[in-house]
Amino acid sequence: MLFDLRGRGRRRTVQVIYLSLAILMGGGLVLFGIGGATSGGLIDAIQGNGSGSTSASDTFQKRVDALQKQVQANPRDARAWAELADVRFQSATAGANYDQTNGVYTAKGKAELGRAAAAWQRHLALSGDKPNTRVANEMVQAYGAAGLRNYAEAVKALEFVIDATPNPTYQTYAQLAVLAHGAKQTRKEKLSTQKALDLAPKSQRKTVSDQIKAATQQLDGLATAGQPNGQ
């Protein structure tokens, strides 16, 4: 999962930084394989071939065009809508759409995230309570603090991931607690926080609690400052 803090030898300070950054800037982390949810996709293929940003853009556009034709021919093709959301999400985090140095989406990247979200919503309307969980994991990032900041939709997407995961980790529930805070879903925030603490090793519970508090404060700071991402 995204917040894998269980490796031996990690200091608590590193854990706090990692959890906070993963919550706030998870789009890039998921795209490049941390958590393993999206490895082997178009990004890997493009980088493996040593292609430049122009080639990457062309590759994404060709795939988008093909999928657009699919959904136009069959608007009820839930799988094609999920694939379209996936490709648009990956496109949003590539080339000129994503500032790799500062780890933020550009204005063009956010526009592409919006298109990914639109395709995702079409997928949800057709797939019911069993959406594509790999793409749901991507949409957690798309809707998160580094992206569209639609925390209610981020919570919804993460809950799909949790429901499809046999044994969700405490890190996942910590992430849910922070997103629920952003969505002003107070009861869900409290329940998720408690679940994260219940699942965490006793020796790490205070650290996990501190991590969640720090991340929610960062979300509040973003909301108060009103600073646009990707600028």
C-alpha atoms as a PDB file:
ATOM      1  CA  MET A   1       0.000   0.000   0.000  1.00  0.00           C
ATOM      2  CA  LEU A   2       0.947   3.647  -0.285  1.00  0.00           C
ATOM      3  CA  PHE A   3       2.121   4.241   3.290  1.00  0.00           C
ATOM      4  CA  ASP A   4       4.515   1.394   3.878  1.00  0.00           C
ATOM      5  CA  LEU A   5       6.391   2.509   6.987  1.00  0.00           C
ATOM      6  CA  ARG A   6       7.165  -0.942   8.336  1.00  0.00           C
ATOM      7  CA  GLY A   7      10.662  -1.410   6.922  1.00  0.00           C
ATOM      8  CA  ARG A   8      13.374  -2.149   9.453  1.00  0.00           C
ATOM      9  CA  GLY A   9      15.730   0.626  10.415  1.00  0.00           C
ATOM     10  CA  ARG A  10      13.395   3.504   9.521  1.00  0.00           C
ATOM     11  CA  ARG A  11      13.480   6.281  12.050  1.00  0.00           C
ATOM     12  CA  ARG A  12      10.307   7.901  13.278  1.00  0.00           C
ATOM     13  CA  THR A  13      11.299  11.242  11.806  1.00  0.00           C
ATOM     14  CA  VAL A  14      11.496   9.684   8.350  1.00  0.00           C
ATOM     15  CA  GLN A  15       8.092   8.062   8.907  1.00  0.00           C
ATOM     16  CA  VAL A  16       6.453  11.396   9.670  1.00  0.00           C
ATOM     17  CA  ILE A  17       7.936  13.055   6.593  1.00  0.00           C
ATOM     18  CA  TYR A  18       7.084  10.141   4.336  1.00  0.00           C
ATOM     19  CA  LEU A  19       3.460   9.864   5.429  1.00  0.00           C
ATOM     20  CA  SER A  20       2.842  13.583   5.108  1.00  0.00           C
ATOM     21  CA  LEU A  21       4.412  13.835   1.675  1.00  0.00           C
ATOM     22  CA  ALA A  22       2.696  10.697   0.448  1.00  0.00           C
ATOM     23  CA  ILE A  23      -0.693  12.100   1.425  1.00  0.00           C
ATOM     24  CA  LEU A  24      -0.075  15.519  -0.086  1.00  0.00           C
ATOM     25  CA  MET A  25       1.835  14.504  -3.193  1.00  0.00           C
ATOM     26  CA  GLY A  26       0.733  10.948  -3.773  1.00  0.00           C
ATOM     27  CA  GLY A  27      -0.018  11.338  -7.462  1.00  0.00           C
ATOM     28  CA  GLY A  28       3.613  11.194  -8.427  1.00  0.00           C
ATOM     29  CA  LEU A  29       4.375   8.436  -5.935  1.00  0.00           C
ATOM     30  CA  VAL A  30       1.693   6.124  -7.245  1.00  0.00           C
ATOM     31  CA  LEU A  31       2.529   6.835 -10.860  1.00  0.00           C
ATOM     32  CA  PHE A  32       6.123   5.804 -10.488  1.00  0.00           C
ATOM     33  CA  GLY A  33       5.348   2.584  -8.691  1.00  0.00           C
ATOM     34  CA  ILE A  34       5.570   3.230  -4.949  1.00  0.00           C
ATOM     35  CA  GLY A  35       2.947   0.814  -3.712  1.00  0.00           C
ATOM     36  CA  GLY A  36       3.094  -1.137  -6.938  1.00  0.00           C
ATOM     37  CA  ALA A  37      -0.366  -0.178  -8.094  1.00  0.00           C
ATOM     38  CA  THR A  38       0.558   1.237 -11.472  1.00  0.00           C
ATOM     39  CA  SER A  39       3.894  -0.246 -12.450  1.00  0.00           C
ATOM     40  CA  GLY A  40       4.196  -1.613 -15.949  1.00  0.00           C
ATOM     41  CA  GLY A  41       2.021   1.094 -17.472  1.00  0.00           C
ATOM     42  CA  LEU A  42       2.646   3.578 -20.231  1.00  0.00           C
ATOM     43  CA  ILE A  43       5.204   5.516 -18.190  1.00  0.00           C
ATOM     44  CA  ASP A  44       7.389   2.430 -17.766  1.00  0.00           C
ATOM     45  CA  ALA A  45       7.137   1.635 -21.457  1.00  0.00           C
ATOM     46  CA  ILE A  46       8.028   5.164 -22.506  1.00  0.00           C
ATOM     47  CA  GLN A  47      10.944   5.469 -20.114  1.00  0.00           C
ATOM     48  CA  GLY A  48      12.170   2.014 -21.002  1.00  0.00           C
ATOM     49  CA  ASN A  49      12.396   3.072 -24.632  1.00  0.00           C
ATOM     50  CA  GLY A  50      14.244   6.274 -23.738  1.00  0.00           C
ATOM     51  CA  SER A  51      11.682   8.445 -25.483  1.00  0.00           C
ATOM     52  CA  GLY A  52      11.393  12.171 -24.823  1.00  0.00           C
ATOM     53  CA  SER A  53       8.436  14.209 -23.648  1.00  0.00           C
ATOM     54  CA  THR A  54       7.159  14.705 -27.206  1.00  0.00           C
ATOM     55  CA  SER A  55       7.108  10.963 -27.802  1.00  0.00           C
ATOM     56  CA  ALA A  56       5.402  10.461 -24.448  1.00  0.00           C
ATOM     57  CA  SER A  57       2.736  12.986 -25.313  1.00  0.00           C
ATOM     58  CA  ASP A  58       2.153  11.302 -28.673  1.00  0.00           C
ATOM     59  CA  THR A  59       1.895   7.887 -27.028  1.00  0.00           C
ATOM     60  CA  PHE A  60      -0.656   9.081 -24.500  1.00  0.00           C
ATOM     61  CA  GLN A  61      -2.651  10.924 -27.141  1.00  0.00           C
ATOM     62  CA  LYS A  62      -2.852   7.887 -29.406  1.00  0.00           C
ATOM     63  CA  ARG A  63      -4.095   5.779 -26.511  1.00  0.00           C
ATOM     64  CA  VAL A  64      -6.604   8.451 -25.474  1.00  0.00           C
ATOM     65  CA  ASP A  65      -7.880   8.752 -29.035  1.00  0.00           C
ATOM     66  CA  ALA A  66      -8.359   4.988 -29.299  1.00  0.00           C
ATOM     67  CA  LEU A  67     -10.221   4.831 -25.994  1.00  0.00           C
ATOM     68  CA  GLN A  68     -12.365   7.841 -26.888  1.00  0.00           C
ATOM     69  CA  LYS A  69     -13.482   5.995 -30.012  1.00  0.00           C
ATOM     70  CA  GLN A  70     -14.268   2.953 -27.874  1.00  0.00           C
ATOM     71  CA  VAL A  71     -16.479   4.805 -25.426  1.00  0.00           C
ATOM     72  CA  GLN A  72     -18.182   6.723 -28.220  1.00  0.00           C
ATOM     73  CA  ALA A  73     -19.001   3.455 -29.963  1.00  0.00           C
ATOM     74  CA  ASN A  74     -20.095   1.844 -26.696  1.00  0.00           C
ATOM     75  CA  PRO A  75     -20.818   4.407 -23.954  1.00  0.00           C
ATOM     76  CA  ARG A  76     -21.674   1.605 -21.533  1.00  0.00           C
ATOM     77  CA  ASP A  77     -18.244  -0.004 -21.713  1.00  0.00           C
ATOM     78  CA  ALA A  78     -17.202   0.330 -18.070  1.00  0.00           C
ATOM     79  CA  ARG A  79     -13.774  -1.174 -18.706  1.00  0.00           C
ATOM     80  CA  ALA A  80     -12.966   1.319 -21.464  1.00  0.00           C
ATOM     81  CA  TRP A  81     -13.970   4.245 -19.233  1.00  0.00           C
ATOM     82  CA  ALA A  82     -11.652   2.916 -16.496  1.00  0.00           C
ATOM     83  CA  GLU A  83      -8.799   2.584 -18.994  1.00  0.00           C
ATOM     84  CA  LEU A  84      -9.440   6.116 -20.219  1.00  0.00           C
ATOM     85  CA  ALA A  85      -9.287   7.435 -16.654  1.00  0.00           C
ATOM     86  CA  ASP A  86      -6.060   5.490 -16.132  1.00  0.00           C
ATOM     87  CA  VAL A  87      -4.348   6.853 -19.251  1.00  0.00           C
ATOM     88  CA  ARG A  88      -5.422  10.416 -18.539  1.00  0.00           C
ATOM     89  CA  PHE A  89      -4.167  10.118 -14.963  1.00  0.00           C
ATOM     90  CA  GLN A  90      -0.786   8.881 -16.183  1.00  0.00           C
ATOM     91  CA  SER A  91      -0.680  11.635 -18.788  1.00  0.00           C
ATOM     92  CA  ALA A  92      -1.326  14.215 -16.051  1.00  0.00           C
ATOM     93  CA  THR A  93       1.839  13.147 -14.306  1.00  0.00           C
ATOM     94  CA  ALA A  94       4.111  13.167 -17.341  1.00  0.00           C
ATOM     95  CA  GLY A  95       6.015  15.714 -19.389  1.00  0.00           C
ATOM     96  CA  ALA A  96       4.844  19.306 -19.206  1.00  0.00           C
ATOM     97  CA  ASN A  97       1.839  18.305 -17.113  1.00  0.00           C
ATOM     98  CA  TYR A  98       3.914  17.640 -14.004  1.00  0.00           C
ATOM     99  CA  ASP A  99       6.756  19.604 -12.449  1.00  0.00           C
ATOM    100  CA  GLN A 100       9.102  16.816 -11.375  1.00  0.00           C
ATOM    101  CA  THR A 101      11.449  19.187  -9.566  1.00  0.00           C
ATOM    102  CA  ASN A 102       8.818  20.574  -7.205  1.00  0.00           C
ATOM    103  CA  GLY A 103       6.499  17.571  -7.284  1.00  0.00           C
ATOM    104  CA  VAL A 104       3.393  19.495  -8.377  1.00  0.00           C
ATOM    105  CA  TYR A 105       0.933  19.417 -11.252  1.00  0.00           C
ATOM    106  CA  THR A 106       0.993  22.254 -13.740  1.00  0.00           C
ATOM    107  CA  ALA A 107      -2.219  23.927 -14.882  1.00  0.00           C
ATOM    108  CA  LYS A 108      -2.278  21.572 -17.878  1.00  0.00           C
ATOM    109  CA  GLY A 109      -1.730  18.617 -15.590  1.00  0.00           C
ATOM    110  CA  LYS A 110      -4.675  19.594 -13.420  1.00  0.00           C
ATOM    111  CA  ALA A 111      -6.856  19.973 -16.488  1.00  0.00           C
ATOM    112  CA  GLU A 112      -5.877  16.439 -17.484  1.00  0.00           C
ATOM    113  CA  LEU A 113      -6.692  15.228 -13.964  1.00  0.00           C
ATOM    114  CA  GLY A 114     -10.129  16.770 -14.427  1.00  0.00           C
ATOM    115  CA  ARG A 115     -10.602  14.761 -17.608  1.00  0.00           C
ATOM    116  CA  ALA A 116      -9.410  11.619 -15.813  1.00  0.00           C
ATOM    117  CA  ALA A 117     -11.938  12.297 -13.062  1.00  0.00           C
ATOM    118  CA  ALA A 118     -14.736  12.721 -15.618  1.00  0.00           C
ATOM    119  CA  ALA A 119     -13.901   9.341 -17.177  1.00  0.00           C
ATOM    120  CA  TRP A 120     -13.732   7.800 -13.703  1.00  0.00           C
ATOM    121  CA  GLN A 121     -17.189   9.065 -12.840  1.00  0.00           C
ATOM    122  CA  ARG A 122     -18.560   7.478 -16.018  1.00  0.00           C
ATOM    123  CA  HIS A 123     -16.875   4.230 -14.998  1.00  0.00           C
ATOM    124  CA  LEU A 124     -18.433   4.424 -11.524  1.00  0.00           C
ATOM    125  CA  ALA A 125     -21.890   4.989 -12.965  1.00  0.00           C
ATOM    126  CA  LEU A 126     -21.556   1.736 -14.907  1.00  0.00           C
ATOM    127  CA  SER A 127     -19.581  -0.464 -12.513  1.00  0.00           C
ATOM    128  CA  GLY A 128     -21.664   0.038  -9.370  1.00  0.00           C
ATOM    129  CA  ASP A 129     -19.981  -1.119  -6.181  1.00  0.00           C
ATOM    130  CA  LYS A 130     -17.212  -3.026  -7.981  1.00  0.00           C
ATOM    131  CA  PRO A 131     -15.074  -0.475  -9.826  1.00  0.00           C
ATOM    132  CA  ASN A 132     -11.555  -1.008 -11.069  1.00  0.00           C
ATOM    133  CA  THR A 133      -9.563  -0.849  -7.834  1.00  0.00           C
ATOM    134  CA  ARG A 134      -6.219  -0.131  -9.484  1.00  0.00           C
ATOM    135  CA  VAL A 135      -7.673   2.967 -11.109  1.00  0.00           C
ATOM    136  CA  ALA A 136      -9.483   3.784  -7.859  1.00  0.00           C
ATOM    137  CA  ASN A 137      -6.064   3.927  -6.194  1.00  0.00           C
ATOM    138  CA  GLU A 138      -4.921   6.390  -8.845  1.00  0.00           C
ATOM    139  CA  MET A 139      -8.023   8.491  -8.336  1.00  0.00           C
ATOM    140  CA  VAL A 140      -7.239   8.807  -4.631  1.00  0.00           C
ATOM    141  CA  GLN A 141      -4.210  10.751  -5.779  1.00  0.00           C
ATOM    142  CA  ALA A 142      -6.009  12.637  -8.533  1.00  0.00           C
ATOM    143  CA  TYR A 143      -8.620  13.904  -6.085  1.00  0.00           C
ATOM    144  CA  GLY A 144      -6.103  14.478  -3.295  1.00  0.00           C
ATOM    145  CA  ALA A 145      -4.243  17.522  -2.023  1.00  0.00           C
ATOM    146  CA  ALA A 146      -1.671  17.552  -4.810  1.00  0.00           C
ATOM    147  CA  GLY A 147      -4.400  17.333  -7.411  1.00  0.00           C
ATOM    148  CA  LEU A 148      -8.042  18.361  -7.560  1.00  0.00           C
ATOM    149  CA  ARG A 149      -8.548  18.630  -3.788  1.00  0.00           C
ATOM    150  CA  ASN A 150     -11.930  16.936  -3.977  1.00  0.00           C
ATOM    151  CA  TYR A 151     -11.489  15.079  -0.720  1.00  0.00           C
ATOM    152  CA  ALA A 152     -14.975  13.563  -0.648  1.00  0.00           C
ATOM    153  CA  GLU A 153     -14.266  11.782  -3.939  1.00  0.00           C
ATOM    154  CA  ALA A 154     -10.792  10.816  -2.712  1.00  0.00           C
ATOM    155  CA  VAL A 155     -12.398   9.201   0.349  1.00  0.00           C
ATOM    156  CA  LYS A 156     -14.867   7.349  -1.850  1.00  0.00           C
ATOM    157  CA  ALA A 157     -12.098   6.028  -4.102  1.00  0.00           C
ATOM    158  CA  LEU A 158      -9.953   4.925  -1.165  1.00  0.00           C
ATOM    159  CA  GLU A 159     -12.896   3.102   0.386  1.00  0.00           C
ATOM    160  CA  PHE A 160     -13.240   1.094  -2.822  1.00  0.00           C
ATOM    161  CA  VAL A 161      -9.565   0.162  -2.495  1.00  0.00           C
ATOM    162  CA  ILE A 162      -9.998  -0.797   1.160  1.00  0.00           C
ATOM    163  CA  ASP A 163     -13.064  -2.910   0.428  1.00  0.00           C
ATOM    164  CA  ALA A 164     -11.117  -4.843  -2.206  1.00  0.00           C
ATOM    165  CA  THR A 165      -8.062  -5.357   0.027  1.00  0.00           C
ATOM    166  CA  PRO A 166      -8.103  -8.486   2.248  1.00  0.00           C
ATOM    167  CA  ASN A 167      -6.069  -6.932   5.051  1.00  0.00           C
ATOM    168  CA  PRO A 168      -5.801  -3.142   4.789  1.00  0.00           C
ATOM    169  CA  THR A 169      -2.840  -1.714   6.670  1.00  0.00           C
ATOM    170  CA  TYR A 170      -2.912   0.899   9.381  1.00  0.00           C
ATOM    171  CA  GLN A 171      -1.172   3.238   6.933  1.00  0.00           C
ATOM    172  CA  THR A 172      -4.167   2.995   4.609  1.00  0.00           C
ATOM    173  CA  TYR A 173      -6.573   3.901   7.393  1.00  0.00           C
ATOM    174  CA  ALA A 174      -4.294   6.777   8.366  1.00  0.00           C
ATOM    175  CA  GLN A 175      -4.569   8.052   4.814  1.00  0.00           C
ATOM    176  CA  LEU A 176      -8.353   7.653   4.940  1.00  0.00           C
ATOM    177  CA  ALA A 177      -8.497   9.613   8.188  1.00  0.00           C
ATOM    178  CA  VAL A 178      -6.603  12.521   6.661  1.00  0.00           C
ATOM    179  CA  LEU A 179      -8.725  12.576   3.520  1.00  0.00           C
ATOM    180  CA  ALA A 180     -11.912  12.360   5.601  1.00  0.00           C
ATOM    181  CA  HIS A 181     -10.656  15.368   7.552  1.00  0.00           C
ATOM    182  CA  GLY A 182     -10.241  17.250   4.301  1.00  0.00           C
ATOM    183  CA  ALA A 183     -13.774  16.233   3.291  1.00  0.00           C
ATOM    184  CA  LYS A 184     -15.082  17.400   6.692  1.00  0.00           C
ATOM    185  CA  GLN A 185     -16.391  13.912   7.384  1.00  0.00           C
ATOM    186  CA  THR A 186     -15.711  14.097  11.101  1.00  0.00           C
ATOM    187  CA  ARG A 187     -17.162  10.767  12.166  1.00  0.00           C
ATOM    188  CA  LYS A 188     -15.306   8.884   9.430  1.00  0.00           C
ATOM    189  CA  GLU A 189     -12.109  10.700  10.351  1.00  0.00           C
ATOM    190  CA  LYS A 190     -12.411   9.583  13.973  1.00  0.00           C
ATOM    191  CA  LEU A 191     -13.282   5.994  13.081  1.00  0.00           C
ATOM    192  CA  SER A 192     -10.440   5.745  10.570  1.00  0.00           C
ATOM    193  CA  THR A 193      -7.962   7.221  13.011  1.00  0.00           C
ATOM    194  CA  GLN A 194      -8.997   4.731  15.654  1.00  0.00           C
ATOM    195  CA  LYS A 195      -8.756   1.863  13.164  1.00  0.00           C
ATOM    196  CA  ALA A 196      -5.255   2.972  12.174  1.00  0.00           C
ATOM    197  CA  LEU A 197      -4.192   3.054  15.824  1.00  0.00           C
ATOM    198  CA  ASP A 198      -5.783  -0.324  16.540  1.00  0.00           C
ATOM    199  CA  LEU A 199      -3.887  -1.922  13.657  1.00  0.00           C
ATOM    200  CA  ALA A 200      -0.564  -0.204  14.293  1.00  0.00           C
ATOM    201  CA  PRO A 201       2.054  -1.889  16.496  1.00  0.00           C
ATOM    202  CA  LYS A 202       1.786  -0.585  20.053  1.00  0.00           C
ATOM    203  CA  SER A 203       5.262   0.910  19.867  1.00  0.00           C
ATOM    204  CA  GLN A 204       4.247   3.037  16.866  1.00  0.00           C
ATOM    205  CA  ARG A 205       0.773   4.210  17.873  1.00  0.00           C
ATOM    206  CA  LYS A 206       1.864   7.585  19.194  1.00  0.00           C
ATOM    207  CA  THR A 207       3.923   8.154  16.058  1.00  0.00           C
ATOM    208  CA  VAL A 208       0.965   7.243  13.837  1.00  0.00           C
ATOM    209  CA  SER A 209      -1.274   9.610  15.795  1.00  0.00           C
ATOM    210  CA  ASP A 210       1.292  12.391  15.395  1.00  0.00           C
ATOM    211  CA  GLN A 211       1.573  11.649  11.667  1.00  0.00           C
ATOM    212  CA  ILE A 212      -2.170  11.949  11.167  1.00  0.00           C
ATOM    213  CA  LYS A 213      -2.298  15.216  13.126  1.00  0.00           C
ATOM    214  CA  ALA A 214       0.602  16.659  11.144  1.00  0.00           C
ATOM    215  CA  ALA A 215      -0.967  15.711   7.817  1.00  0.00           C
ATOM    216  CA  THR A 216      -4.384  17.118   8.712  1.00  0.00           C
ATOM    217  CA  GLN A 217      -2.727  20.355   9.800  1.00  0.00           C
ATOM    218  CA  GLN A 218      -1.012  20.520   6.417  1.00  0.00           C
ATOM    219  CA  LEU A 219      -4.370  20.109   4.682  1.00  0.00           C
ATOM    220  CA  ASP A 220      -5.818  22.888   6.829  1.00  0.00           C
ATOM    221  CA  GLY A 221      -2.831  25.053   5.956  1.00  0.00           C
ATOM    222  CA  LEU A 222      -3.412  24.501   2.240  1.00  0.00           C
ATOM    223  CA  ALA A 223      -7.071  25.398   2.585  1.00  0.00           C
ATOM    224  CA  THR A 224      -6.316  28.537   4.599  1.00  0.00           C
ATOM    225  CA  ALA A 225      -3.570  29.737   2.294  1.00  0.00           C
ATOM    226  CA  GLY A 226      -5.651  29.064  -0.791  1.00  0.00           C
ATOM    227  CA  GLN A 227      -2.499  28.592  -2.814  1.00  0.00           C
ATOM    228  CA  PRO A 228      -3.076  26.926  -6.190  1.00  0.00           C
ATOM    229  CA  ASN A 229      -1.104  23.745  -6.778  1.00  0.00           C
ATOM    230  CA  GLY A 230       1.148  23.408  -9.715  1.00  0.00           C
ATOM    231  CA  GLN A 231       2.035  27.076  -9.935  1.00  0.00           C
END
